[in-house]
Each structure stands twice: as C-alpha cells, then as structure tokens.
N, C-alpha and C. Protein backbone atom coordinates (compact mmCIF):
# COMPACT_ATOMS: atom_id res chain seq x y z
N MET A 1 168.97 -105.70 -6.89
CA MET A 1 169.18 -106.87 -7.30
C MET A 1 168.74 -107.87 -8.43
N SER A 2 169.42 -108.30 -9.45
CA SER A 2 168.86 -108.81 -10.54
C SER A 2 168.42 -110.54 -9.70
N PRO A 3 167.88 -111.44 -10.28
CA PRO A 3 167.62 -112.53 -9.74
C PRO A 3 169.08 -113.61 -9.95
N LEU A 4 170.05 -113.36 -11.14
CA LEU A 4 171.20 -113.94 -10.91
C LEU A 4 172.49 -113.43 -10.64
N ALA A 5 172.04 -112.20 -10.11
CA ALA A 5 173.11 -111.25 -8.94
C ALA A 5 172.94 -111.84 -7.71
N HIS A 6 171.35 -112.41 -7.58
CA HIS A 6 171.29 -113.13 -6.22
C HIS A 6 171.95 -114.27 -5.76
N ILE A 7 171.78 -115.22 -7.01
CA ILE A 7 172.53 -116.43 -7.01
C ILE A 7 173.76 -116.15 -6.81
N ALA A 8 174.40 -115.49 -7.68
CA ALA A 8 175.62 -115.25 -7.41
C ALA A 8 176.43 -115.13 -6.56
N ALA A 9 175.43 -114.25 -5.63
CA ALA A 9 175.62 -113.83 -3.79
C ALA A 9 175.77 -114.81 -3.32
N LEU A 10 174.91 -115.79 -3.26
CA LEU A 10 175.30 -116.54 -2.34
C LEU A 10 176.38 -117.63 -2.12
N PRO A 11 177.46 -117.78 -2.75
CA PRO A 11 178.71 -118.15 -2.12
C PRO A 11 178.89 -117.36 -1.32
N VAL A 12 179.05 -115.42 -1.85
CA VAL A 12 179.40 -114.94 -0.89
C VAL A 12 179.17 -114.81 0.54
N ARG A 13 177.52 -115.33 0.39
CA ARG A 13 177.17 -114.86 1.74
C ARG A 13 177.66 -116.29 2.65
N ALA A 14 177.44 -117.33 1.89
CA ALA A 14 177.74 -118.79 2.39
C ALA A 14 179.37 -118.41 2.77
N TYR A 15 180.23 -117.82 2.65
CA TYR A 15 181.43 -117.79 3.13
C TYR A 15 181.58 -116.57 4.21
N ARG A 16 180.63 -115.49 4.37
CA ARG A 16 180.32 -115.18 5.49
C ARG A 16 180.11 -115.55 6.26
N LEU A 17 179.25 -116.70 6.32
CA LEU A 17 178.63 -117.16 7.75
C LEU A 17 179.06 -118.06 7.93
N ILE A 18 179.74 -118.71 6.92
CA ILE A 18 180.26 -120.38 7.28
C ILE A 18 182.19 -120.14 7.65
N PHE A 19 182.94 -119.68 6.57
CA PHE A 19 184.06 -119.86 7.09
C PHE A 19 184.92 -118.46 7.36
N SER A 20 184.41 -117.63 7.38
CA SER A 20 184.71 -115.71 7.90
C SER A 20 184.97 -115.84 8.93
N PRO A 21 184.37 -116.35 9.95
CA PRO A 21 184.67 -116.10 11.38
C PRO A 21 185.79 -117.27 11.90
N TRP A 22 186.13 -118.36 10.83
CA TRP A 22 187.25 -119.14 11.22
C TRP A 22 188.88 -118.40 10.50
N VAL A 23 188.55 -117.75 9.47
CA VAL A 23 189.20 -117.33 8.81
C VAL A 23 190.13 -115.84 9.74
N GLY A 24 188.93 -115.35 10.09
CA GLY A 24 189.50 -114.03 11.06
C GLY A 24 188.99 -113.12 10.22
N PHE A 25 189.44 -111.65 10.79
CA PHE A 25 188.77 -110.43 10.02
C PHE A 25 190.17 -109.68 9.65
N ASN A 26 190.73 -110.22 8.59
CA ASN A 26 192.33 -109.55 8.37
C ASN A 26 192.39 -108.92 7.18
N CYS A 27 191.71 -108.49 6.56
CA CYS A 27 191.41 -108.64 5.02
C CYS A 27 192.52 -106.88 4.72
N ARG A 28 193.17 -107.08 3.98
CA ARG A 28 194.07 -105.78 3.39
C ARG A 28 193.59 -104.63 2.73
N TYR A 29 192.32 -104.76 2.15
CA TYR A 29 191.41 -103.78 1.51
C TYR A 29 190.58 -103.72 2.60
N GLN A 30 189.71 -102.51 2.17
CA GLN A 30 188.53 -101.60 3.08
C GLN A 30 187.99 -101.27 1.83
N PRO A 31 186.33 -101.50 1.35
CA PRO A 31 185.96 -102.47 1.94
C PRO A 31 186.28 -103.63 1.89
N THR A 32 186.21 -105.25 3.04
CA THR A 32 186.76 -106.47 2.83
C THR A 32 186.38 -106.90 1.26
N CYS A 33 186.70 -108.32 1.00
CA CYS A 33 186.54 -108.83 -0.54
C CYS A 33 184.97 -109.11 -0.36
N SER A 34 184.43 -109.49 0.63
CA SER A 34 183.04 -109.96 0.75
C SER A 34 181.81 -108.95 0.46
N ALA A 35 182.49 -108.01 1.10
CA ALA A 35 181.30 -106.60 1.28
C ALA A 35 181.94 -106.46 -0.12
N TYR A 36 182.64 -105.97 -0.35
CA TYR A 36 183.10 -105.34 -2.31
C TYR A 36 182.28 -106.49 -3.36
N ALA A 37 182.39 -107.75 -2.74
CA ALA A 37 181.29 -108.74 -4.19
C ALA A 37 179.91 -108.61 -3.89
N LEU A 38 179.48 -108.40 -2.90
CA LEU A 38 178.23 -108.40 -2.56
C LEU A 38 177.70 -106.56 -3.48
N GLU A 39 178.63 -105.61 -3.04
CA GLU A 39 178.10 -104.55 -3.28
C GLU A 39 178.03 -104.62 -4.81
N ALA A 40 179.33 -104.88 -5.59
CA ALA A 40 179.67 -104.92 -6.89
C ALA A 40 178.51 -105.88 -7.71
N LEU A 41 178.12 -106.81 -7.31
CA LEU A 41 176.91 -107.70 -7.46
C LEU A 41 175.41 -106.59 -7.42
N GLU A 42 175.14 -105.69 -6.42
CA GLU A 42 174.10 -105.17 -6.50
C GLU A 42 174.42 -104.00 -7.22
N LYS A 43 175.36 -103.39 -7.46
CA LYS A 43 175.07 -101.82 -8.32
C LYS A 43 175.39 -102.45 -10.11
N HIS A 44 176.08 -103.88 -10.30
CA HIS A 44 176.40 -103.88 -11.79
C HIS A 44 175.87 -105.05 -11.77
N GLY A 45 175.12 -106.01 -11.41
CA GLY A 45 174.58 -107.24 -11.71
C GLY A 45 175.79 -108.17 -11.80
N ALA A 46 174.99 -109.98 -12.15
CA ALA A 46 175.83 -110.94 -11.76
C ALA A 46 177.40 -111.10 -12.76
N LEU A 47 176.98 -110.51 -13.81
CA LEU A 47 178.02 -110.64 -15.23
C LEU A 47 179.40 -109.36 -14.40
N LYS A 48 178.88 -108.35 -14.66
CA LYS A 48 179.90 -107.42 -14.86
C LYS A 48 180.44 -107.03 -12.98
N GLY A 49 179.26 -107.38 -12.20
CA GLY A 49 179.74 -107.58 -10.60
C GLY A 49 180.65 -108.43 -10.24
N GLY A 50 180.34 -109.48 -10.90
CA GLY A 50 180.92 -110.72 -10.67
C GLY A 50 182.30 -110.69 -10.64
N TRP A 51 182.78 -110.19 -12.17
CA TRP A 51 184.05 -110.04 -12.89
C TRP A 51 184.81 -108.96 -12.03
N LEU A 52 184.12 -107.54 -11.67
CA LEU A 52 184.55 -106.75 -10.42
C LEU A 52 185.27 -107.91 -9.38
N ALA A 53 184.61 -108.40 -8.96
CA ALA A 53 184.90 -109.15 -7.59
C ALA A 53 185.77 -110.12 -7.74
N LEU A 54 186.12 -110.97 -8.89
CA LEU A 54 187.19 -111.97 -9.15
C LEU A 54 188.39 -111.09 -9.61
N ARG A 55 188.65 -109.80 -10.17
CA ARG A 55 189.26 -109.45 -9.85
C ARG A 55 190.15 -108.75 -8.88
N ARG A 56 189.02 -108.12 -7.71
CA ARG A 56 189.25 -107.77 -6.50
C ARG A 56 190.17 -108.71 -5.63
N ILE A 57 189.37 -110.42 -5.87
CA ILE A 57 190.04 -111.53 -5.18
C ILE A 57 191.39 -111.70 -5.47
N GLY A 58 191.69 -111.45 -6.79
CA GLY A 58 192.91 -111.72 -7.42
C GLY A 58 194.08 -111.00 -7.07
N ARG A 59 193.65 -109.39 -6.82
CA ARG A 59 194.58 -108.69 -6.09
C ARG A 59 194.83 -108.21 -4.74
N CYS A 60 194.35 -109.59 -4.14
CA CYS A 60 194.64 -109.76 -2.59
C CYS A 60 195.62 -110.68 -2.84
N HIS A 61 196.74 -110.76 -1.97
CA HIS A 61 197.57 -111.95 -1.83
C HIS A 61 199.09 -110.89 -1.33
N PRO A 62 200.29 -111.49 -1.14
CA PRO A 62 200.75 -110.91 -0.10
C PRO A 62 201.90 -110.06 -0.76
N LEU A 63 201.67 -109.67 -2.37
CA LEU A 63 202.47 -109.02 -3.15
C LEU A 63 201.54 -107.91 -3.55
N GLY A 64 200.43 -107.98 -3.45
CA GLY A 64 199.35 -106.98 -3.63
C GLY A 64 199.68 -105.73 -2.65
N SER A 65 198.66 -104.75 -3.28
CA SER A 65 198.48 -103.62 -2.50
C SER A 65 197.67 -103.94 -1.64
N SER A 66 197.24 -102.59 -0.73
CA SER A 66 195.90 -102.65 0.62
C SER A 66 195.65 -101.33 0.28
N GLY A 67 194.52 -101.05 1.43
CA GLY A 67 193.90 -99.60 1.38
C GLY A 67 192.76 -99.68 1.14
N TYR A 68 192.10 -98.58 1.33
CA TYR A 68 191.21 -97.82 0.46
C TYR A 68 190.39 -98.37 -0.97
N ASP A 69 189.52 -99.34 -1.59
CA ASP A 69 189.21 -100.08 -2.54
C ASP A 69 188.18 -99.91 -3.05
N PRO A 70 187.18 -99.25 -3.45
CA PRO A 70 185.58 -98.88 -3.48
C PRO A 70 185.42 -99.59 -4.79
N VAL A 71 183.77 -99.80 -4.65
CA VAL A 71 183.42 -100.88 -6.04
C VAL A 71 183.02 -99.28 -6.58
N PRO A 72 183.29 -99.27 -8.08
CA PRO A 72 183.45 -97.91 -8.67
C PRO A 72 181.65 -98.09 -8.98
N ASP A 73 181.52 -96.80 -9.30
CA ASP A 73 179.99 -96.60 -9.99
C ASP A 73 179.92 -97.15 -11.13
N PRO A 74 178.47 -97.26 -11.23
CA PRO A 74 178.01 -98.45 -12.45
C PRO A 74 178.72 -97.09 -13.94
N ASP A 75 178.43 -95.69 -13.58
CA ASP A 75 178.67 -94.99 -15.10
C ASP A 75 180.30 -94.49 -14.96
N SER A 76 180.53 -95.11 -14.01
CA SER A 76 182.43 -94.87 -14.19
C SER A 76 183.02 -95.44 -15.02
N ASP A 77 184.07 -95.29 -15.53
CA ASP A 77 184.82 -95.92 -16.82
C ASP A 77 185.45 -96.83 -16.13
N MET A 78 185.72 -98.04 -17.04
CA MET A 78 186.59 -98.95 -16.09
C MET A 78 187.71 -99.06 -17.04
N SER A 79 188.05 -98.37 -18.15
CA SER A 79 189.32 -98.75 -18.82
C SER A 79 190.57 -98.34 -18.46
N ASP A 80 190.72 -98.46 -17.14
CA ASP A 80 192.14 -97.93 -16.26
C ASP A 80 192.90 -99.34 -15.70
N GLY A 81 191.89 -100.60 -16.21
CA GLY A 81 192.77 -101.92 -15.87
C GLY A 81 192.06 -102.96 -15.71
C-alpha cells in the first residue's frame, strides 16, 4: 500500500475502531463498506481506491441494491459505471 493510501485508510480504520461497534454490523453489501474501502485502497492506491470506496458508500442507501460486491481487479475495465 502506498504511503498516501495508508493516510487515506486512517479514517476507515478509525471508523472501524470507534463507530462501527455502536452502529452495528448490518451492512447491506458483502464485503462491508469499510472492508471494501481498505481493500480498494490496497489494490488501487489512494486516488482510484478512494474513488471506488466513495462510489460504494454512495450506493449504500435504502433504495440501493445489496449483495456481493467485490473490489474490481486492478486490470479490469471500469467503464461499466
């Protein structure tokens, strides 16, 4: 993970440590949004991984979908949306 990705992961790790136990473990996606964000930052770096994490969090709302939503591989095409 790049140094910038480590810095970008700090708020996610803080959320998992501080807020996640209070909010509960009822994520509509698998893997959870925080796990997705950490994996995206590790696989894609701070900019692209951060963008993927923000897109994922943006899809997490009552009218959104649910289910298995893995982090795309770095070599996959992201032109689908």
